[in-house]
Amino acid sequence: MYIQNCLYNLEGVMDKIPVGISSCLAGQPVRHDGGHRHSRYCTDTLGEYFSLHPFCPENGAGMPTPRPAMHLVEHGEAVR
């Protein structure tokens, strides 16, 4: 509700502000398991005020969907 009140004054003054959003939050099945984490708050509520531009860094880096889950482990002082 707060975001709606803040952005109310911008209506009619400017186009929607472009904002990057994770593809899985936008409902695209790009997660490692082939699923998504669609957020209706992001797409329905915030989408009224912002121009949403979905992207998936993992797919952009060439990783397939689905793909094996990534596991980070400590190796000495480094994380791999």
PDB file of N, CA and C in Angstrom:
ATOM      1  N   MET A   1       0.821  -1.189   0.000  1.00  0.00           N
ATOM      2  CA  MET A   1       0.000   0.000   0.000  1.00  0.00           C
ATOM      3  C   MET A   1       0.870   1.261   0.000  1.00  0.00           C
ATOM      4  N   TYR A   2       1.982   1.214   0.740  1.00  0.00           N
ATOM      5  CA  TYR A   2       2.869   2.372   0.827  1.00  0.00           C
ATOM      6  C   TYR A   2       3.397   2.766  -0.548  1.00  0.00           C
ATOM      7  N   ILE A   3       3.826   1.762  -1.336  1.00  0.00           N
ATOM      8  CA  ILE A   3       4.372   2.060  -2.666  1.00  0.00           C
ATOM      9  C   ILE A   3       3.315   2.709  -3.549  1.00  0.00           C
ATOM     10  N   GLN A   4       2.069   2.279  -3.412  1.00  0.00           N
ATOM     11  CA  GLN A   4       0.993   2.868  -4.205  1.00  0.00           C
ATOM     12  C   GLN A   4       0.805   4.336  -3.845  1.00  0.00           C
ATOM     13  N   ASN A   5       0.857   4.667  -2.561  1.00  0.00           N
ATOM     14  CA  ASN A   5       0.705   6.058  -2.136  1.00  0.00           C
ATOM     15  C   ASN A   5       1.861   6.919  -2.623  1.00  0.00           C
ATOM     16  N   CYS A   6       3.073   6.391  -2.569  1.00  0.00           N
ATOM     17  CA  CYS A   6       4.246   7.144  -3.009  1.00  0.00           C
ATOM     18  C   CYS A   6       4.219   7.414  -4.502  1.00  0.00           C
ATOM     19  N   LEU A   7       3.781   6.433  -5.273  1.00  0.00           N
ATOM     20  CA  LEU A   7       3.824   6.556  -6.727  1.00  0.00           C
ATOM     21  C   LEU A   7       2.590   7.223  -7.310  1.00  0.00           C
ATOM     22  N   TYR A   8       1.573   7.449  -6.508  1.00  0.00           N
ATOM     23  CA  TYR A   8       0.343   8.061  -6.999  1.00  0.00           C
ATOM     24  C   TYR A   8       0.630   9.403  -7.654  1.00  0.00           C
ATOM     25  N   ASN A   9       1.535  10.175  -7.082  1.00  0.00           N
ATOM     26  CA  ASN A   9       1.852  11.498  -7.606  1.00  0.00           C
ATOM     27  C   ASN A   9       2.559  11.448  -8.953  1.00  0.00           C
ATOM     28  N   LEU A  10       3.097  10.305  -9.333  1.00  0.00           N
ATOM     29  CA  LEU A  10       3.807  10.187 -10.609  1.00  0.00           C
ATOM     30  C   LEU A  10       2.877   9.879 -11.776  1.00  0.00           C
ATOM     31  N   GLU A  11       1.639   9.475 -11.490  1.00  0.00           N
ATOM     32  CA  GLU A  11       0.722   9.092 -12.559  1.00  0.00           C
ATOM     33  C   GLU A  11       0.499  10.272 -13.499  1.00  0.00           C
ATOM     34  N   GLY A  12       0.594  10.007 -14.787  1.00  0.00           N
ATOM     35  CA  GLY A  12       0.371  11.020 -15.796  1.00  0.00           C
ATOM     36  C   GLY A  12       1.548  11.947 -16.006  1.00  0.00           C
ATOM     37  N   VAL A  13       2.544  11.889 -15.141  1.00  0.00           N
ATOM     38  CA  VAL A  13       3.695  12.774 -15.252  1.00  0.00           C
ATOM     39  C   VAL A  13       4.788  12.135 -16.100  1.00  0.00           C
ATOM     40  N   MET A  14       4.952  10.834 -15.971  1.00  0.00           N
ATOM     41  CA  MET A  14       6.017  10.155 -16.694  1.00  0.00           C
ATOM     42  C   MET A  14       5.594   8.733 -17.042  1.00  0.00           C
ATOM     43  N   ASP A  15       6.305   8.132 -17.980  1.00  0.00           N
ATOM     44  CA  ASP A  15       6.062   6.733 -18.312  1.00  0.00           C
ATOM     45  C   ASP A  15       6.471   5.866 -17.133  1.00  0.00           C
ATOM     46  N   LYS A  16       6.099   4.605 -17.210  1.00  0.00           N
ATOM     47  CA  LYS A  16       6.493   3.682 -16.147  1.00  0.00           C
ATOM     48  C   LYS A  16       8.015   3.576 -16.083  1.00  0.00           C
ATOM     49  N   ILE A  17       8.520   3.522 -14.883  1.00  0.00           N
ATOM     50  CA  ILE A  17       9.959   3.407 -14.658  1.00  0.00           C
ATOM     51  C   ILE A  17      10.387   1.977 -14.977  1.00  0.00           C
ATOM     52  N   PRO A  18      11.405   1.775 -15.829  1.00  0.00           N
ATOM     53  CA  PRO A  18      11.861   0.419 -16.133  1.00  0.00           C
ATOM     54  C   PRO A  18      12.607  -0.191 -14.943  1.00  0.00           C
ATOM     55  N   VAL A  19      12.250  -1.433 -14.625  1.00  0.00           N
ATOM     56  CA  VAL A  19      12.853  -2.136 -13.496  1.00  0.00           C
ATOM     57  C   VAL A  19      13.147  -3.572 -13.908  1.00  0.00           C
ATOM     58  N   GLY A  20      14.350  -4.056 -13.611  1.00  0.00           N
ATOM     59  CA  GLY A  20      14.685  -5.456 -13.848  1.00  0.00           C
ATOM     60  C   GLY A  20      14.068  -6.326 -12.768  1.00  0.00           C
ATOM     61  N   ILE A  21      13.598  -7.493 -13.169  1.00  0.00           N
ATOM     62  CA  ILE A  21      12.988  -8.435 -12.230  1.00  0.00           C
ATOM     63  C   ILE A  21      13.458  -9.835 -12.602  1.00  0.00           C
ATOM     64  N   SER A  22      13.696 -10.646 -11.617  1.00  0.00           N
ATOM     65  CA  SER A  22      14.087 -12.027 -11.874  1.00  0.00           C
ATOM     66  C   SER A  22      12.999 -12.723 -12.688  1.00  0.00           C
ATOM     67  N   SER A  23      13.396 -13.436 -13.721  1.00  0.00           N
ATOM     68  CA  SER A  23      12.429 -14.132 -14.577  1.00  0.00           C
ATOM     69  C   SER A  23      11.546 -15.084 -13.793  1.00  0.00           C
ATOM     70  N   CYS A  24      12.109 -15.750 -12.783  1.00  0.00           N
ATOM     71  CA  CYS A  24      11.295 -16.702 -12.013  1.00  0.00           C
ATOM     72  C   CYS A  24      10.226 -15.973 -11.206  1.00  0.00           C
ATOM     73  N   LEU A  25      10.501 -14.753 -10.727  1.00  0.00           N
ATOM     74  CA  LEU A  25       9.483 -13.971 -10.018  1.00  0.00           C
ATOM     75  C   LEU A  25       8.396 -13.486 -10.968  1.00  0.00           C
ATOM     76  N   ALA A  26       8.757 -13.342 -12.242  1.00  0.00           N
ATOM     77  CA  ALA A  26       7.781 -12.927 -13.250  1.00  0.00           C
ATOM     78  C   ALA A  26       6.948 -14.107 -13.740  1.00  0.00           C
ATOM     79  N   GLY A  27       7.234 -15.311 -13.230  1.00  0.00           N
ATOM     80  CA  GLY A  27       6.437 -16.485 -13.577  1.00  0.00           C
ATOM     81  C   GLY A  27       7.011 -17.348 -14.681  1.00  0.00           C
ATOM     82  N   GLN A  28       8.214 -17.049 -15.137  1.00  0.00           N
ATOM     83  CA  GLN A  28       8.825 -17.853 -16.190  1.00  0.00           C
ATOM     84  C   GLN A  28       9.519 -19.066 -15.564  1.00  0.00           C
ATOM     85  N   PRO A  29       9.352 -20.247 -16.163  1.00  0.00           N
ATOM     86  CA  PRO A  29       9.919 -21.484 -15.592  1.00  0.00           C
ATOM     87  C   PRO A  29      11.413 -21.633 -15.875  1.00  0.00           C
ATOM     88  N   VAL A  30      12.233 -20.850 -15.180  1.00  0.00           N
ATOM     89  CA  VAL A  30      13.677 -20.852 -15.436  1.00  0.00           C
ATOM     90  C   VAL A  30      14.501 -21.298 -14.234  1.00  0.00           C
ATOM     91  N   ARG A  31      13.862 -21.694 -13.145  1.00  0.00           N
ATOM     92  CA  ARG A  31      14.615 -22.135 -11.970  1.00  0.00           C
ATOM     93  C   ARG A  31      15.351 -23.434 -12.262  1.00  0.00           C
ATOM     94  N   HIS A  32      16.307 -23.774 -11.410  1.00  0.00           N
ATOM     95  CA  HIS A  32      17.124 -24.970 -11.626  1.00  0.00           C
ATOM     96  C   HIS A  32      16.271 -26.221 -11.772  1.00  0.00           C
ATOM     97  N   ASP A  33      15.103 -26.253 -11.121  1.00  0.00           N
ATOM     98  CA  ASP A  33      14.230 -27.428 -11.197  1.00  0.00           C
ATOM     99  C   ASP A  33      13.178 -27.310 -12.293  1.00  0.00           C
ATOM    100  N   GLY A  34      13.267 -26.266 -13.110  1.00  0.00           N
ATOM    101  CA  GLY A  34      12.308 -26.062 -14.194  1.00  0.00           C
ATOM    102  C   GLY A  34      11.043 -25.355 -13.754  1.00  0.00           C
ATOM    103  N   GLY A  35      11.008 -24.928 -12.507  1.00  0.00           N
ATOM    104  CA  GLY A  35       9.826 -24.243 -11.984  1.00  0.00           C
ATOM    105  C   GLY A  35       9.997 -22.732 -11.975  1.00  0.00           C
ATOM    106  N   HIS A  36       9.117 -22.064 -11.239  1.00  0.00           N
ATOM    107  CA  HIS A  36       9.165 -20.610 -11.096  1.00  0.00           C
ATOM    108  C   HIS A  36       8.771 -20.247  -9.672  1.00  0.00           C
ATOM    109  N   ARG A  37       8.879 -19.017  -9.320  1.00  0.00           N
ATOM    110  CA  ARG A  37       8.438 -18.490  -8.023  1.00  0.00           C
ATOM    111  C   ARG A  37       7.625 -17.223  -8.290  1.00  0.00           C
ATOM    112  N   HIS A  38       6.593 -17.356  -9.107  1.00  0.00           N
ATOM    113  CA  HIS A  38       5.800 -16.206  -9.522  1.00  0.00           C
ATOM    114  C   HIS A  38       5.323 -15.400  -8.319  1.00  0.00           C
ATOM    115  N   SER A  39       5.576 -14.119  -8.355  1.00  0.00           N
ATOM    116  CA  SER A  39       5.134 -13.198  -7.312  1.00  0.00           C
ATOM    117  C   SER A  39       4.068 -12.291  -7.899  1.00  0.00           C
ATOM    118  N   ARG A  40       2.829 -12.528  -7.527  1.00  0.00           N
ATOM    119  CA  ARG A  40       1.734 -11.685  -8.024  1.00  0.00           C
ATOM    120  C   ARG A  40       1.869 -10.249  -7.511  1.00  0.00           C
ATOM    121  N   TYR A  41       2.480 -10.084  -6.345  1.00  0.00           N
ATOM    122  CA  TYR A  41       2.716  -8.722  -5.856  1.00  0.00           C
ATOM    123  C   TYR A  41       3.611  -7.971  -6.844  1.00  0.00           C
ATOM    124  N   CYS A  42       4.667  -8.640  -7.307  1.00  0.00           N
ATOM    125  CA  CYS A  42       5.576  -7.996  -8.263  1.00  0.00           C
ATOM    126  C   CYS A  42       4.882  -7.717  -9.591  1.00  0.00           C
ATOM    127  N   THR A  43       4.265  -8.751 -10.171  1.00  0.00           N
ATOM    128  CA  THR A  43       3.708  -8.584 -11.511  1.00  0.00           C
ATOM    129  C   THR A  43       2.408  -7.787 -11.529  1.00  0.00           C
ATOM    130  N   ASP A  44       1.530  -8.023 -10.559  1.00  0.00           N
ATOM    131  CA  ASP A  44       0.227  -7.360 -10.581  1.00  0.00           C
ATOM    132  C   ASP A  44       0.255  -5.982  -9.916  1.00  0.00           C
ATOM    133  N   THR A  45       0.808  -5.900  -8.720  1.00  0.00           N
ATOM    134  CA  THR A  45       0.794  -4.629  -7.991  1.00  0.00           C
ATOM    135  C   THR A  45       1.881  -3.681  -8.496  1.00  0.00           C
ATOM    136  N   LEU A  46       3.136  -4.122  -8.429  1.00  0.00           N
ATOM    137  CA  LEU A  46       4.225  -3.252  -8.875  1.00  0.00           C
ATOM    138  C   LEU A  46       4.194  -3.039 -10.383  1.00  0.00           C
ATOM    139  N   GLY A  47       3.678  -4.038 -11.120  1.00  0.00           N
ATOM    140  CA  GLY A  47       3.575  -3.920 -12.570  1.00  0.00           C
ATOM    141  C   GLY A  47       2.668  -2.794 -13.028  1.00  0.00           C
ATOM    142  N   GLU A  48       1.778  -2.328 -12.152  1.00  0.00           N
ATOM    143  CA  GLU A  48       0.927  -1.185 -12.488  1.00  0.00           C
ATOM    144  C   GLU A  48       1.742   0.103 -12.567  1.00  0.00           C
ATOM    145  N   TYR A  49       2.849   0.156 -11.852  1.00  0.00           N
ATOM    146  CA  TYR A  49       3.622   1.384 -11.736  1.00  0.00           C
ATOM    147  C   TYR A  49       4.978   1.335 -12.425  1.00  0.00           C
ATOM    148  N   PHE A  50       5.489   0.123 -12.642  1.00  0.00           N
ATOM    149  CA  PHE A  50       6.804  -0.040 -13.241  1.00  0.00           C
ATOM    150  C   PHE A  50       6.709  -0.871 -14.510  1.00  0.00           C
ATOM    151  N   SER A  51       7.620  -0.631 -15.435  1.00  0.00           N
ATOM    152  CA  SER A  51       7.758  -1.461 -16.628  1.00  0.00           C
ATOM    153  C   SER A  51       8.747  -2.572 -16.273  1.00  0.00           C
ATOM    154  N   LEU A  52       8.238  -3.782 -16.085  1.00  0.00           N
ATOM    155  CA  LEU A  52       9.061  -4.898 -15.614  1.00  0.00           C
ATOM    156  C   LEU A  52       9.794  -5.565 -16.774  1.00  0.00           C
ATOM    157  N   HIS A  53      11.088  -5.779 -16.596  1.00  0.00           N
ATOM    158  CA  HIS A  53      11.933  -6.402 -17.614  1.00  0.00           C
ATOM    159  C   HIS A  53      12.576  -7.646 -17.009  1.00  0.00           C
ATOM    160  N   PRO A  54      11.962  -8.837 -17.246  1.00  0.00           N
ATOM    161  CA  PRO A  54      12.484 -10.073 -16.659  1.00  0.00           C
ATOM    162  C   PRO A  54      13.847 -10.463 -17.235  1.00  0.00           C
ATOM    163  N   PHE A  55      14.698 -11.009 -16.381  1.00  0.00           N
ATOM    164  CA  PHE A  55      15.984 -11.549 -16.823  1.00  0.00           C
ATOM    165  C   PHE A  55      16.383 -12.684 -15.891  1.00  0.00           C
ATOM    166  N   CYS A  56      17.164 -13.601 -16.421  1.00  0.00           N
ATOM    167  CA  CYS A  56      17.668 -14.715 -15.629  1.00  0.00           C
ATOM    168  C   CYS A  56      19.177 -14.790 -15.850  1.00  0.00           C
ATOM    169  N   PRO A  57      19.974 -14.423 -14.856  1.00  0.00           N
ATOM    170  CA  PRO A  57      21.424 -14.443 -15.021  1.00  0.00           C
ATOM    171  C   PRO A  57      21.972 -15.821 -15.361  1.00  0.00           C
ATOM    172  N   GLU A  58      21.385 -16.876 -14.764  1.00  0.00           N
ATOM    173  CA  GLU A  58      21.870 -18.229 -15.031  1.00  0.00           C
ATOM    174  C   GLU A  58      21.644 -18.613 -16.494  1.00  0.00           C
ATOM    175  N   ASN A  59      20.465 -18.347 -17.016  1.00  0.00           N
ATOM    176  CA  ASN A  59      20.204 -18.647 -18.424  1.00  0.00           C
ATOM    177  C   ASN A  59      21.045 -17.756 -19.326  1.00  0.00           C
ATOM    178  N   GLY A  60      21.227 -16.508 -18.924  1.00  0.00           N
ATOM    179  CA  GLY A  60      22.057 -15.589 -19.696  1.00  0.00           C
ATOM    180  C   GLY A  60      23.505 -16.040 -19.771  1.00  0.00           C
ATOM    181  N   ALA A  61      23.951 -16.779 -18.748  1.00  0.00           N
ATOM    182  CA  ALA A  61      25.319 -17.307 -18.726  1.00  0.00           C
ATOM    183  C   ALA A  61      25.420 -18.642 -19.456  1.00  0.00           C
ATOM    184  N   GLY A  62      24.295 -19.102 -20.025  1.00  0.00           N
ATOM    185  CA  GLY A  62      24.315 -20.336 -20.803  1.00  0.00           C
ATOM    186  C   GLY A  62      23.936 -21.587 -20.043  1.00  0.00           C
ATOM    187  N   MET A  63      23.529 -21.453 -18.783  1.00  0.00           N
ATOM    188  CA  MET A  63      23.123 -22.636 -18.015  1.00  0.00           C
ATOM    189  C   MET A  63      21.748 -23.101 -18.491  1.00  0.00           C
ATOM    190  N   PRO A  64      21.554 -24.410 -18.592  1.00  0.00           N
ATOM    191  CA  PRO A  64      20.271 -24.931 -19.080  1.00  0.00           C
ATOM    192  C   PRO A  64      19.201 -24.924 -17.985  1.00  0.00           C
ATOM    193  N   THR A  65      17.966 -25.108 -18.401  1.00  0.00           N
ATOM    194  CA  THR A  65      16.838 -25.293 -17.482  1.00  0.00           C
ATOM    195  C   THR A  65      16.116 -26.547 -17.918  1.00  0.00           C
ATOM    196  N   PRO A  66      15.919 -27.519 -17.037  1.00  0.00           N
ATOM    197  CA  PRO A  66      16.429 -27.582 -15.666  1.00  0.00           C
ATOM    198  C   PRO A  66      17.930 -27.860 -15.653  1.00  0.00           C
ATOM    199  N   ARG A  67      18.524 -27.676 -14.485  1.00  0.00           N
ATOM    200  CA  ARG A  67      19.964 -27.898 -14.300  1.00  0.00           C
ATOM    201  C   ARG A  67      20.193 -28.412 -12.883  1.00  0.00           C
ATOM    202  N   PRO A  68      21.311 -29.057 -12.642  1.00  0.00           N
ATOM    203  CA  PRO A  68      21.599 -29.523 -11.280  1.00  0.00           C
ATOM    204  C   PRO A  68      21.681 -28.336 -10.318  1.00  0.00           C
ATOM    205  N   ALA A  69      21.228 -28.542  -9.104  1.00  0.00           N
ATOM    206  CA  ALA A  69      21.307 -27.492  -8.087  1.00  0.00           C
ATOM    207  C   ALA A  69      22.765 -27.196  -7.766  1.00  0.00           C
ATOM    208  N   MET A  70      23.065 -25.951  -7.480  1.00  0.00           N
ATOM    209  CA  MET A  70      24.424 -25.543  -7.154  1.00  0.00           C
ATOM    210  C   MET A  70      24.626 -25.648  -5.642  1.00  0.00           C
ATOM    211  N   HIS A  71      25.761 -26.173  -5.237  1.00  0.00           N
ATOM    212  CA  HIS A  71      26.093 -26.282  -3.820  1.00  0.00           C
ATOM    213  C   HIS A  71      27.427 -25.592  -3.586  1.00  0.00           C
ATOM    214  N   LEU A  72      27.440 -24.578  -2.724  1.00  0.00           N
ATOM    215  CA  LEU A  72      28.666 -23.871  -2.382  1.00  0.00           C
ATOM    216  C   LEU A  72      29.276 -24.508  -1.144  1.00  0.00           C
ATOM    217  N   VAL A  73      30.595 -24.689  -1.165  1.00  0.00           N
ATOM    218  CA  VAL A  73      31.295 -25.273  -0.018  1.00  0.00           C
ATOM    219  C   VAL A  73      32.535 -24.436   0.288  1.00  0.00           C
ATOM    220  N   GLU A  74      32.917 -24.420   1.563  1.00  0.00           N
ATOM    221  CA  GLU A  74      34.142 -23.738   1.958  1.00  0.00           C
ATOM    222  C   GLU A  74      35.327 -24.630   1.650  1.00  0.00           C
ATOM    223  N   HIS A  75      36.348 -24.039   1.063  1.00  0.00           N
ATOM    224  CA  HIS A  75      37.586 -24.749   0.756  1.00  0.00           C
ATOM    225  C   HIS A  75      38.719 -23.845   1.230  1.00  0.00           C
ATOM    226  N   GLY A  76      39.190 -24.096   2.455  1.00  0.00           N
ATOM    227  CA  GLY A  76      40.161 -23.177   3.046  1.00  0.00           C
ATOM    228  C   GLY A  76      39.464 -21.864   3.363  1.00  0.00           C
ATOM    229  N   GLU A  77      39.988 -20.774   2.804  1.00  0.00           N
ATOM    230  CA  GLU A  77      39.364 -19.468   3.003  1.00  0.00           C
ATOM    231  C   GLU A  77      38.452 -19.089   1.844  1.00  0.00           C
ATOM    232  N   ALA A  78      38.374 -19.933   0.847  1.00  0.00           N
ATOM    233  CA  ALA A  78      37.554 -19.635  -0.328  1.00  0.00           C
ATOM    234  C   ALA A  78      36.241 -20.416  -0.290  1.00  0.00           C
ATOM    235  N   VAL A  79      35.270 -19.897  -1.001  1.00  0.00           N
ATOM    236  CA  VAL A  79      33.995 -20.597  -1.176  1.00  0.00           C
ATOM    237  C   VAL A  79      33.899 -20.980  -2.639  1.00  0.00           C
ATOM    238  N   ARG A  80      33.624 -22.265  -2.876  1.00  0.00           N
ATOM    239  CA  ARG A  80      33.534 -22.755  -4.258  1.00  0.00           C
ATOM    240  C   ARG A  80      32.224 -23.453  -4.475  1.00  0.00           C
TER     241      ARG A  80
END
